[in-house]
Full PDB file with SEQRES, HELIX, SHEET, SSBOND, CRYST1, ORIGX, SCALE, CONECT and MASTER records, all heavy atoms in Angstrom:
SEQRES   1 A   33  MET TRP ARG PHE ASP SER VAL SER GLU LYS GLY TYR ILE          
SEQRES   2 A   33  VAL VAL GLN GLU THR ASP HIS LYS VAL THR VAL PRO TYR          
SEQRES   3 A   33  ASP ARG SER GLY LEU LEU SER                                  
HELIX    1 AA1 ARG A   28  LEU A   32  1                                   5    
SHEET    1 AA1 2 THR A  18  ASP A  19  0                                        
SHEET    2 AA1 2 VAL A  22  THR A  23 -1                                        
CRYST1    1.000    1.000    1.000  90.00  90.00  90.00 P 1           1          
ORIGX1      1.000000  0.000000  0.000000        0.00000                         
ORIGX2      0.000000  1.000000  0.000000        0.00000                         
ORIGX3      0.000000  0.000000  1.000000        0.00000                         
SCALE1      1.000000  0.000000  0.000000        0.00000                         
SCALE2      0.000000  1.000000  0.000000        0.00000                         
SCALE3      0.000000  0.000000  1.000000        0.00000                         
ATOM      1  N   MET A   1       3.984  12.506   8.725  1.00  0.00           N  
ATOM      2  CA  MET A   1       2.859  11.556   9.000  1.00  0.00           C  
ATOM      3  C   MET A   1       3.493  10.208   9.428  1.00  0.00           C  
ATOM      4  O   MET A   1       4.608   9.882   9.058  1.00  0.00           O  
ATOM      5  CB  MET A   1       2.036  11.344   7.757  1.00  0.00           C  
ATOM      6  CG  MET A   1       1.288  12.558   7.317  1.00  0.00           C  
ATOM      7  SD  MET A   1       0.182  12.149   5.906  1.00  0.00           S  
ATOM      8  CE  MET A   1      -1.259  11.549   6.819  1.00  0.00           C  
ATOM      9  N   TRP A   2       2.757   9.498  10.203  1.00  0.00           N  
ATOM     10  CA  TRP A   2       3.056   8.068  10.537  1.00  0.00           C  
ATOM     11  C   TRP A   2       2.079   7.213   9.811  1.00  0.00           C  
ATOM     12  O   TRP A   2       0.904   7.440   9.822  1.00  0.00           O  
ATOM     13  CB  TRP A   2       3.052   7.829  12.018  1.00  0.00           C  
ATOM     14  CG  TRP A   2       4.193   8.481  12.821  1.00  0.00           C  
ATOM     15  CD1 TRP A   2       5.182   9.192  12.334  1.00  0.00           C  
ATOM     16  CD2 TRP A   2       4.294   8.398  14.249  1.00  0.00           C  
ATOM     17  NE1 TRP A   2       5.973   9.623  13.388  1.00  0.00           N  
ATOM     18  CE2 TRP A   2       5.430   9.087  14.585  1.00  0.00           C  
ATOM     19  CE3 TRP A   2       3.582   7.785  15.260  1.00  0.00           C  
ATOM     20  CZ2 TRP A   2       5.896   9.175  15.848  1.00  0.00           C  
ATOM     21  CZ3 TRP A   2       3.996   7.947  16.510  1.00  0.00           C  
ATOM     22  CH2 TRP A   2       5.164   8.621  16.887  1.00  0.00           C  
ATOM     23  N   ARG A   3       2.623   6.139   9.220  1.00  0.00           N  
ATOM     24  CA  ARG A   3       1.781   5.143   8.597  1.00  0.00           C  
ATOM     25  C   ARG A   3       1.941   3.827   9.323  1.00  0.00           C  
ATOM     26  O   ARG A   3       3.040   3.294   9.436  1.00  0.00           O  
ATOM     27  CB  ARG A   3       2.199   4.947   7.100  1.00  0.00           C  
ATOM     28  CG  ARG A   3       1.219   4.055   6.355  1.00  0.00           C  
ATOM     29  CD  ARG A   3       1.746   3.726   4.964  1.00  0.00           C  
ATOM     30  NE  ARG A   3       2.827   2.743   5.132  1.00  0.00           N  
ATOM     31  CZ  ARG A   3       3.867   2.710   4.307  1.00  0.00           C  
ATOM     32  NH1 ARG A   3       4.132   3.563   3.385  1.00  0.00           N  
ATOM     33  NH2 ARG A   3       4.828   1.746   4.523  1.00  0.00           N  
ATOM     34  N   PHE A   4       0.847   3.234   9.840  1.00  0.00           N  
ATOM     35  CA  PHE A   4       0.825   1.912  10.456  1.00  0.00           C  
ATOM     36  C   PHE A   4       0.125   0.994   9.463  1.00  0.00           C  
ATOM     37  O   PHE A   4      -0.952   1.205   9.036  1.00  0.00           O  
ATOM     38  CB  PHE A   4       0.000   1.924  11.733  1.00  0.00           C  
ATOM     39  CG  PHE A   4       0.601   2.671  12.864  1.00  0.00           C  
ATOM     40  CD1 PHE A   4       0.477   4.098  12.949  1.00  0.00           C  
ATOM     41  CD2 PHE A   4       1.321   2.062  13.833  1.00  0.00           C  
ATOM     42  CE1 PHE A   4       0.986   4.799  13.983  1.00  0.00           C  
ATOM     43  CE2 PHE A   4       1.894   2.739  14.880  1.00  0.00           C  
ATOM     44  CZ  PHE A   4       1.772   4.150  14.970  1.00  0.00           C  
ATOM     45  N   ASP A   5       0.889  -0.064   9.087  1.00  0.00           N  
ATOM     46  CA  ASP A   5       0.377  -1.097   8.100  1.00  0.00           C  
ATOM     47  C   ASP A   5      -0.028  -2.312   8.872  1.00  0.00           C  
ATOM     48  O   ASP A   5       0.754  -2.898   9.621  1.00  0.00           O  
ATOM     49  CB  ASP A   5       1.512  -1.426   7.168  1.00  0.00           C  
ATOM     50  CG  ASP A   5       2.002  -0.231   6.318  1.00  0.00           C  
ATOM     51  OD1 ASP A   5       1.129   0.569   5.907  1.00  0.00           O  
ATOM     52  OD2 ASP A   5       3.237  -0.149   6.250  1.00  0.00           O  
ATOM     53  N   SER A   6      -1.211  -2.779   8.611  1.00  0.00           N  
ATOM     54  CA  SER A   6      -1.675  -4.009   9.177  1.00  0.00           C  
ATOM     55  C   SER A   6      -1.796  -5.073   8.123  1.00  0.00           C  
ATOM     56  O   SER A   6      -2.653  -5.029   7.223  1.00  0.00           O  
ATOM     57  CB  SER A   6      -3.086  -3.755   9.853  1.00  0.00           C  
ATOM     58  OG  SER A   6      -3.573  -4.949  10.342  1.00  0.00           O  
ATOM     59  N   VAL A   7      -0.793  -5.952   8.139  1.00  0.00           N  
ATOM     60  CA  VAL A   7      -0.678  -6.960   7.073  1.00  0.00           C  
ATOM     61  C   VAL A   7      -1.305  -8.306   7.512  1.00  0.00           C  
ATOM     62  O   VAL A   7      -1.242  -8.630   8.708  1.00  0.00           O  
ATOM     63  CB  VAL A   7       0.761  -7.194   6.628  1.00  0.00           C  
ATOM     64  CG1 VAL A   7       1.325  -5.898   5.979  1.00  0.00           C  
ATOM     65  CG2 VAL A   7       1.668  -7.576   7.764  1.00  0.00           C  
ATOM     66  N   SER A   8      -1.831  -9.025   6.615  1.00  0.00           N  
ATOM     67  CA  SER A   8      -2.394 -10.347   6.859  1.00  0.00           C  
ATOM     68  C   SER A   8      -1.468 -11.450   6.433  1.00  0.00           C  
ATOM     69  O   SER A   8      -1.577 -12.597   6.891  1.00  0.00           O  
ATOM     70  CB  SER A   8      -3.764 -10.532   6.326  1.00  0.00           C  
ATOM     71  OG  SER A   8      -3.707 -10.490   4.897  1.00  0.00           O  
ATOM     72  N   GLU A   9      -0.532 -11.130   5.540  1.00  0.00           N  
ATOM     73  CA  GLU A   9       0.410 -12.080   5.010  1.00  0.00           C  
ATOM     74  C   GLU A   9       1.799 -11.752   5.509  1.00  0.00           C  
ATOM     75  O   GLU A   9       2.392 -10.683   5.179  1.00  0.00           O  
ATOM     76  CB  GLU A   9       0.355 -12.067   3.515  1.00  0.00           C  
ATOM     77  CG  GLU A   9       1.253 -13.095   2.876  1.00  0.00           C  
ATOM     78  CD  GLU A   9       1.129 -13.097   1.315  1.00  0.00           C  
ATOM     79  OE1 GLU A   9       0.055 -13.430   0.814  1.00  0.00           O  
ATOM     80  OE2 GLU A   9       2.137 -12.730   0.648  1.00  0.00           O  
ATOM     81  N   LYS A  10       2.418 -12.590   6.283  1.00  0.00           N  
ATOM     82  CA  LYS A  10       3.732 -12.349   6.855  1.00  0.00           C  
ATOM     83  C   LYS A  10       4.717 -12.154   5.773  1.00  0.00           C  
ATOM     84  O   LYS A  10       4.809 -12.789   4.744  1.00  0.00           O  
ATOM     85  CB  LYS A  10       4.158 -13.536   7.705  1.00  0.00           C  
ATOM     86  CG  LYS A  10       5.410 -13.269   8.464  1.00  0.00           C  
ATOM     87  CD  LYS A  10       5.720 -14.429   9.446  1.00  0.00           C  
ATOM     88  CE  LYS A  10       6.954 -14.030  10.253  1.00  0.00           C  
ATOM     89  NZ  LYS A  10       7.079 -14.897  11.364  1.00  0.00           N  
ATOM     90  N   GLY A  11       5.516 -11.071   5.922  1.00  0.00           N  
ATOM     91  CA  GLY A  11       6.542 -10.729   4.897  1.00  0.00           C  
ATOM     92  C   GLY A  11       6.050  -9.884   3.739  1.00  0.00           C  
ATOM     93  O   GLY A  11       6.812  -9.485   2.909  1.00  0.00           O  
ATOM     94  N   TYR A  12       4.734  -9.529   3.755  1.00  0.00           N  
ATOM     95  CA  TYR A  12       4.232  -8.666   2.693  1.00  0.00           C  
ATOM     96  C   TYR A  12       4.872  -7.308   2.780  1.00  0.00           C  
ATOM     97  O   TYR A  12       4.984  -6.713   3.882  1.00  0.00           O  
ATOM     98  CB  TYR A  12       2.716  -8.512   2.771  1.00  0.00           C  
ATOM     99  CG  TYR A  12       2.195  -7.618   1.722  1.00  0.00           C  
ATOM    100  CD1 TYR A  12       2.109  -7.960   0.386  1.00  0.00           C  
ATOM    101  CD2 TYR A  12       1.717  -6.303   2.017  1.00  0.00           C  
ATOM    102  CE1 TYR A  12       1.704  -7.104  -0.569  1.00  0.00           C  
ATOM    103  CE2 TYR A  12       1.275  -5.450   1.071  1.00  0.00           C  
ATOM    104  CZ  TYR A  12       1.260  -5.863  -0.260  1.00  0.00           C  
ATOM    105  OH  TYR A  12       0.822  -4.948  -1.204  1.00  0.00           O  
ATOM    106  N   ILE A  13       5.345  -6.785   1.687  1.00  0.00           N  
ATOM    107  CA  ILE A  13       5.937  -5.428   1.606  1.00  0.00           C  
ATOM    108  C   ILE A  13       4.874  -4.482   1.018  1.00  0.00           C  
ATOM    109  O   ILE A  13       4.404  -4.687  -0.108  1.00  0.00           O  
ATOM    110  CB  ILE A  13       7.228  -5.469   0.745  1.00  0.00           C  
ATOM    111  CG1 ILE A  13       8.165  -6.502   1.330  1.00  0.00           C  
ATOM    112  CG2 ILE A  13       7.854  -4.050   0.603  1.00  0.00           C  
ATOM    113  CD1 ILE A  13       9.506  -6.271   1.429  1.00  0.00           C  
ATOM    114  N   VAL A  14       4.658  -3.408   1.686  1.00  0.00           N  
ATOM    115  CA  VAL A  14       3.701  -2.391   1.325  1.00  0.00           C  
ATOM    116  C   VAL A  14       4.283  -1.604   0.136  1.00  0.00           C  
ATOM    117  O   VAL A  14       5.459  -1.234   0.141  1.00  0.00           O  
ATOM    118  CB  VAL A  14       3.396  -1.457   2.459  1.00  0.00           C  
ATOM    119  CG1 VAL A  14       2.540  -0.295   1.988  1.00  0.00           C  
ATOM    120  CG2 VAL A  14       2.655  -2.220   3.614  1.00  0.00           C  
ATOM    121  N   VAL A  15       3.434  -1.350  -0.865  1.00  0.00           N  
ATOM    122  CA  VAL A  15       3.831  -0.621  -2.012  1.00  0.00           C  
ATOM    123  C   VAL A  15       2.995   0.683  -2.201  1.00  0.00           C  
ATOM    124  O   VAL A  15       1.818   0.594  -2.152  1.00  0.00           O  
ATOM    125  CB  VAL A  15       3.630  -1.548  -3.317  1.00  0.00           C  
ATOM    126  CG1 VAL A  15       4.049  -0.739  -4.534  1.00  0.00           C  
ATOM    127  CG2 VAL A  15       4.440  -2.790  -3.176  1.00  0.00           C  
ATOM    128  N   GLN A  16       3.687   1.773  -2.340  1.00  0.00           N  
ATOM    129  CA  GLN A  16       2.955   3.001  -2.668  1.00  0.00           C  
ATOM    130  C   GLN A  16       2.822   3.081  -4.150  1.00  0.00           C  
ATOM    131  O   GLN A  16       3.771   2.977  -4.923  1.00  0.00           O  
ATOM    132  CB  GLN A  16       3.646   4.209  -2.147  1.00  0.00           C  
ATOM    133  CG  GLN A  16       2.869   5.498  -2.219  1.00  0.00           C  
ATOM    134  CD  GLN A  16       3.512   6.635  -1.569  1.00  0.00           C  
ATOM    135  OE1 GLN A  16       4.774   6.591  -1.204  1.00  0.00           O  
ATOM    136  NE2 GLN A  16       2.852   7.744  -1.385  1.00  0.00           N  
ATOM    137  N   GLU A  17       1.604   3.162  -4.634  1.00  0.00           N  
ATOM    138  CA  GLU A  17       1.326   3.078  -6.076  1.00  0.00           C  
ATOM    139  C   GLU A  17       1.175   4.441  -6.807  1.00  0.00           C  
ATOM    140  O   GLU A  17       0.916   5.478  -6.137  1.00  0.00           O  
ATOM    141  CB  GLU A  17       0.023   2.307  -6.337  1.00  0.00           C  
ATOM    142  CG  GLU A  17       0.102   0.932  -5.718  1.00  0.00           C  
ATOM    143  CD  GLU A  17      -1.182   0.158  -5.898  1.00  0.00           C  
ATOM    144  OE1 GLU A  17      -1.952   0.484  -6.798  1.00  0.00           O  
ATOM    145  OE2 GLU A  17      -1.399  -0.766  -5.087  1.00  0.00           O  
ATOM    146  N   THR A  18       1.409   4.462  -8.068  1.00  0.00           N  
ATOM    147  CA  THR A  18       1.101   5.656  -8.843  1.00  0.00           C  
ATOM    148  C   THR A  18       0.050   5.309  -9.910  1.00  0.00           C  
ATOM    149  O   THR A  18       0.005   4.162 -10.389  1.00  0.00           O  
ATOM    150  CB  THR A  18       2.355   6.225  -9.598  1.00  0.00           C  
ATOM    151  OG1 THR A  18       2.935   5.093 -10.383  1.00  0.00           O  
ATOM    152  CG2 THR A  18       3.405   6.660  -8.611  1.00  0.00           C  
ATOM    153  N   ASP A  19      -0.842   6.239 -10.144  1.00  0.00           N  
ATOM    154  CA  ASP A  19      -1.940   6.066 -11.072  1.00  0.00           C  
ATOM    155  C   ASP A  19      -2.025   7.271 -11.934  1.00  0.00           C  
ATOM    156  O   ASP A  19      -2.492   8.365 -11.469  1.00  0.00           O  
ATOM    157  CB  ASP A  19      -3.198   5.769 -10.290  1.00  0.00           C  
ATOM    158  CG  ASP A  19      -4.374   5.531 -11.219  1.00  0.00           C  
ATOM    159  OD1 ASP A  19      -4.212   5.178 -12.356  1.00  0.00           O  
ATOM    160  OD2 ASP A  19      -5.558   5.673 -10.707  1.00  0.00           O  
ATOM    161  N   HIS A  20      -1.658   7.277 -13.182  1.00  0.00           N  
ATOM    162  CA  HIS A  20      -1.614   8.307 -14.107  1.00  0.00           C  
ATOM    163  C   HIS A  20      -0.906   9.551 -13.567  1.00  0.00           C  
ATOM    164  O   HIS A  20      -1.490  10.674 -13.450  1.00  0.00           O  
ATOM    165  CB  HIS A  20      -3.040   8.745 -14.555  1.00  0.00           C  
ATOM    166  CG  HIS A  20      -3.844   7.581 -15.074  1.00  0.00           C  
ATOM    167  ND1 HIS A  20      -3.457   6.843 -16.205  1.00  0.00           N  
ATOM    168  CD2 HIS A  20      -5.033   7.032 -14.665  1.00  0.00           C  
ATOM    169  CE1 HIS A  20      -4.258   5.876 -16.436  1.00  0.00           C  
ATOM    170  NE2 HIS A  20      -5.267   5.976 -15.603  1.00  0.00           N  
ATOM    171  N   LYS A  21       0.321   9.347 -13.145  1.00  0.00           N  
ATOM    172  CA  LYS A  21       1.179  10.385 -12.638  1.00  0.00           C  
ATOM    173  C   LYS A  21       0.744  10.974 -11.245  1.00  0.00           C  
ATOM    174  O   LYS A  21       1.248  11.942 -10.814  1.00  0.00           O  
ATOM    175  CB  LYS A  21       1.310  11.527 -13.633  1.00  0.00           C  
ATOM    176  CG  LYS A  21       1.994  11.036 -14.939  1.00  0.00           C  
ATOM    177  CD  LYS A  21       2.126  12.221 -15.882  1.00  0.00           C  
ATOM    178  CE  LYS A  21       2.681  11.736 -17.207  1.00  0.00           C  
ATOM    179  NZ  LYS A  21       2.803  12.736 -18.213  1.00  0.00           N  
ATOM    180  N   VAL A  22      -0.187  10.326 -10.630  1.00  0.00           N  
ATOM    181  CA  VAL A  22      -0.635  10.750  -9.319  1.00  0.00           C  
ATOM    182  C   VAL A  22      -0.247   9.647  -8.314  1.00  0.00           C  
ATOM    183  O   VAL A  22      -0.567   8.469  -8.522  1.00  0.00           O  
ATOM    184  CB  VAL A  22      -2.155  10.970  -9.179  1.00  0.00           C  
ATOM    185  CG1 VAL A  22      -2.667  11.313  -7.833  1.00  0.00           C  
ATOM    186  CG2 VAL A  22      -2.593  12.058 -10.241  1.00  0.00           C  
ATOM    187  N   THR A  23       0.431   9.965  -7.233  1.00  0.00           N  
ATOM    188  CA  THR A  23       0.796   9.039  -6.262  1.00  0.00           C  
ATOM    189  C   THR A  23      -0.369   8.741  -5.312  1.00  0.00           C  
ATOM    190  O   THR A  23      -0.969   9.720  -4.759  1.00  0.00           O  
ATOM    191  CB  THR A  23       2.031   9.461  -5.436  1.00  0.00           C  
ATOM    192  OG1 THR A  23       3.090   9.723  -6.372  1.00  0.00           O  
ATOM    193  CG2 THR A  23       2.437   8.432  -4.386  1.00  0.00           C  
ATOM    194  N   VAL A  24      -0.669   7.502  -5.146  1.00  0.00           N  
ATOM    195  CA  VAL A  24      -1.766   7.121  -4.199  1.00  0.00           C  
ATOM    196  C   VAL A  24      -1.111   6.831  -2.824  1.00  0.00           C  
ATOM    197  O   VAL A  24      -0.141   6.010  -2.814  1.00  0.00           O  
ATOM    198  CB  VAL A  24      -2.513   5.897  -4.793  1.00  0.00           C  
ATOM    199  CG1 VAL A  24      -3.617   5.477  -3.834  1.00  0.00           C  
ATOM    200  CG2 VAL A  24      -3.052   6.099  -6.169  1.00  0.00           C  
ATOM    201  N   PRO A  25      -1.556   7.426  -1.742  1.00  0.00           N  
ATOM    202  CA  PRO A  25      -0.889   7.339  -0.556  1.00  0.00           C  
ATOM    203  C   PRO A  25      -0.976   5.933   0.150  1.00  0.00           C  
ATOM    204  O   PRO A  25      -0.213   5.548   0.988  1.00  0.00           O  
ATOM    205  CB  PRO A  25      -1.452   8.347   0.349  1.00  0.00           C  
ATOM    206  CG  PRO A  25      -2.836   8.602  -0.196  1.00  0.00           C  
ATOM    207  CD  PRO A  25      -2.705   8.335  -1.718  1.00  0.00           C  
ATOM    208  N   TYR A  26      -1.951   5.149  -0.293  1.00  0.00           N  
ATOM    209  CA  TYR A  26      -2.180   3.847   0.325  1.00  0.00           C  
ATOM    210  C   TYR A  26      -1.846   2.712  -0.685  1.00  0.00           C  
ATOM    211  O   TYR A  26      -1.722   2.989  -1.876  1.00  0.00           O  
ATOM    212  CB  TYR A  26      -3.646   3.689   0.817  1.00  0.00           C  
ATOM    213  CG  TYR A  26      -4.655   3.876  -0.307  1.00  0.00           C  
ATOM    214  CD1 TYR A  26      -5.140   2.739  -0.965  1.00  0.00           C  
ATOM    215  CD2 TYR A  26      -5.123   5.074  -0.687  1.00  0.00           C  
ATOM    216  CE1 TYR A  26      -6.038   2.846  -2.004  1.00  0.00           C  
ATOM    217  CE2 TYR A  26      -6.039   5.193  -1.758  1.00  0.00           C  
ATOM    218  CZ  TYR A  26      -6.472   4.054  -2.409  1.00  0.00           C  
ATOM    219  OH  TYR A  26      -7.386   4.203  -3.441  1.00  0.00           O  
ATOM    220  N   ASP A  27      -1.769   1.533  -0.143  1.00  0.00           N  
ATOM    221  CA  ASP A  27      -1.432   0.365  -1.025  1.00  0.00           C  
ATOM    222  C   ASP A  27      -2.701  -0.257  -1.518  1.00  0.00           C  
ATOM    223  O   ASP A  27      -3.237  -1.169  -0.851  1.00  0.00           O  
ATOM    224  CB  ASP A  27      -0.549  -0.589  -0.228  1.00  0.00           C  
ATOM    225  CG  ASP A  27      -0.123  -1.812  -0.960  1.00  0.00           C  
ATOM    226  OD1 ASP A  27      -0.599  -2.014  -2.105  1.00  0.00           O  
ATOM    227  OD2 ASP A  27       0.763  -2.570  -0.445  1.00  0.00           O  
ATOM    228  N   ARG A  28      -3.185   0.178  -2.587  1.00  0.00           N  
ATOM    229  CA  ARG A  28      -4.470  -0.276  -3.162  1.00  0.00           C  
ATOM    230  C   ARG A  28      -4.429  -1.788  -3.486  1.00  0.00           C  
ATOM    231  O   ARG A  28      -5.348  -2.498  -3.124  1.00  0.00           O  
ATOM    232  CB  ARG A  28      -4.789   0.514  -4.393  1.00  0.00           C  
ATOM    233  CG  ARG A  28      -6.061   0.073  -5.091  1.00  0.00           C  
ATOM    234  CD  ARG A  28      -6.456   0.914  -6.294  1.00  0.00           C  
ATOM    235  NE  ARG A  28      -5.345   1.458  -7.035  1.00  0.00           N  
ATOM    236  CZ  ARG A  28      -5.320   2.692  -7.498  1.00  0.00           C  
ATOM    237  NH1 ARG A  28      -6.365   3.418  -7.389  1.00  0.00           N  
ATOM    238  NH2 ARG A  28      -4.224   3.112  -8.182  1.00  0.00           N  
ATOM    239  N   SER A  29      -3.394  -2.195  -4.138  1.00  0.00           N  
ATOM    240  CA  SER A  29      -3.339  -3.691  -4.549  1.00  0.00           C  
ATOM    241  C   SER A  29      -3.283  -4.563  -3.315  1.00  0.00           C  
ATOM    242  O   SER A  29      -3.779  -5.654  -3.279  1.00  0.00           O  
ATOM    243  CB  SER A  29      -2.235  -3.955  -5.542  1.00  0.00           C  
ATOM    244  OG  SER A  29      -0.982  -3.676  -4.989  1.00  0.00           O  
ATOM    245  N   GLY A  30      -2.530  -4.155  -2.271  1.00  0.00           N  
ATOM    246  CA  GLY A  30      -2.403  -4.897  -1.049  1.00  0.00           C  
ATOM    247  C   GLY A  30      -3.728  -5.055  -0.382  1.00  0.00           C  
ATOM    248  O   GLY A  30      -4.090  -6.092   0.166  1.00  0.00           O  
ATOM    249  N   LEU A  31      -4.495  -3.913  -0.316  1.00  0.00           N  
ATOM    250  CA  LEU A  31      -5.807  -3.952   0.289  1.00  0.00           C  
ATOM    251  C   LEU A  31      -6.752  -4.874  -0.496  1.00  0.00           C  
ATOM    252  O   LEU A  31      -7.437  -5.725   0.129  1.00  0.00           O  
ATOM    253  CB  LEU A  31      -6.438  -2.590   0.438  1.00  0.00           C  
ATOM    254  CG  LEU A  31      -5.797  -1.632   1.502  1.00  0.00           C  
ATOM    255  CD1 LEU A  31      -6.187  -0.215   1.276  1.00  0.00           C  
ATOM    256  CD2 LEU A  31      -6.136  -2.154   2.918  1.00  0.00           C  
ATOM    257  N   LEU A  32      -6.819  -4.675  -1.854  1.00  0.00           N  
ATOM    258  CA  LEU A  32      -7.712  -5.467  -2.672  1.00  0.00           C  
ATOM    259  C   LEU A  32      -7.417  -6.961  -2.667  1.00  0.00           C  
ATOM    260  O   LEU A  32      -8.290  -7.780  -2.793  1.00  0.00           O  
ATOM    261  CB  LEU A  32      -7.760  -4.880  -4.104  1.00  0.00           C  
ATOM    262  CG  LEU A  32      -8.445  -3.493  -4.199  1.00  0.00           C  
ATOM    263  CD1 LEU A  32      -8.204  -2.988  -5.616  1.00  0.00           C  
ATOM    264  CD2 LEU A  32      -9.911  -3.568  -3.821  1.00  0.00           C  
ATOM    265  N   SER A  33      -6.122  -7.293  -2.529  1.00  0.00           N  
ATOM    266  CA  SER A  33      -5.707  -8.672  -2.588  1.00  0.00           C  
ATOM    267  C   SER A  33      -5.881  -9.345  -1.199  1.00  0.00           C  
ATOM    268  O   SER A  33      -5.824 -10.595  -1.045  1.00  0.00           O  
ATOM    269  CB  SER A  33      -4.255  -8.861  -2.980  1.00  0.00           C  
ATOM    270  OG  SER A  33      -3.345  -8.354  -1.939  1.00  0.00           O  
TER     271      SER A  33                                                      
MASTER        0    0    0    1    2    0    0    6  270    1    0    3          
END                                                                             
């Protein structure tokens, strides 16, 4: 797969998160912030 990240804050580093032993493929905290 290819992932294209559209960031609004220069230098922001995308983080793949885990939630109760399940990996979330998207950066939830980056989107919400």
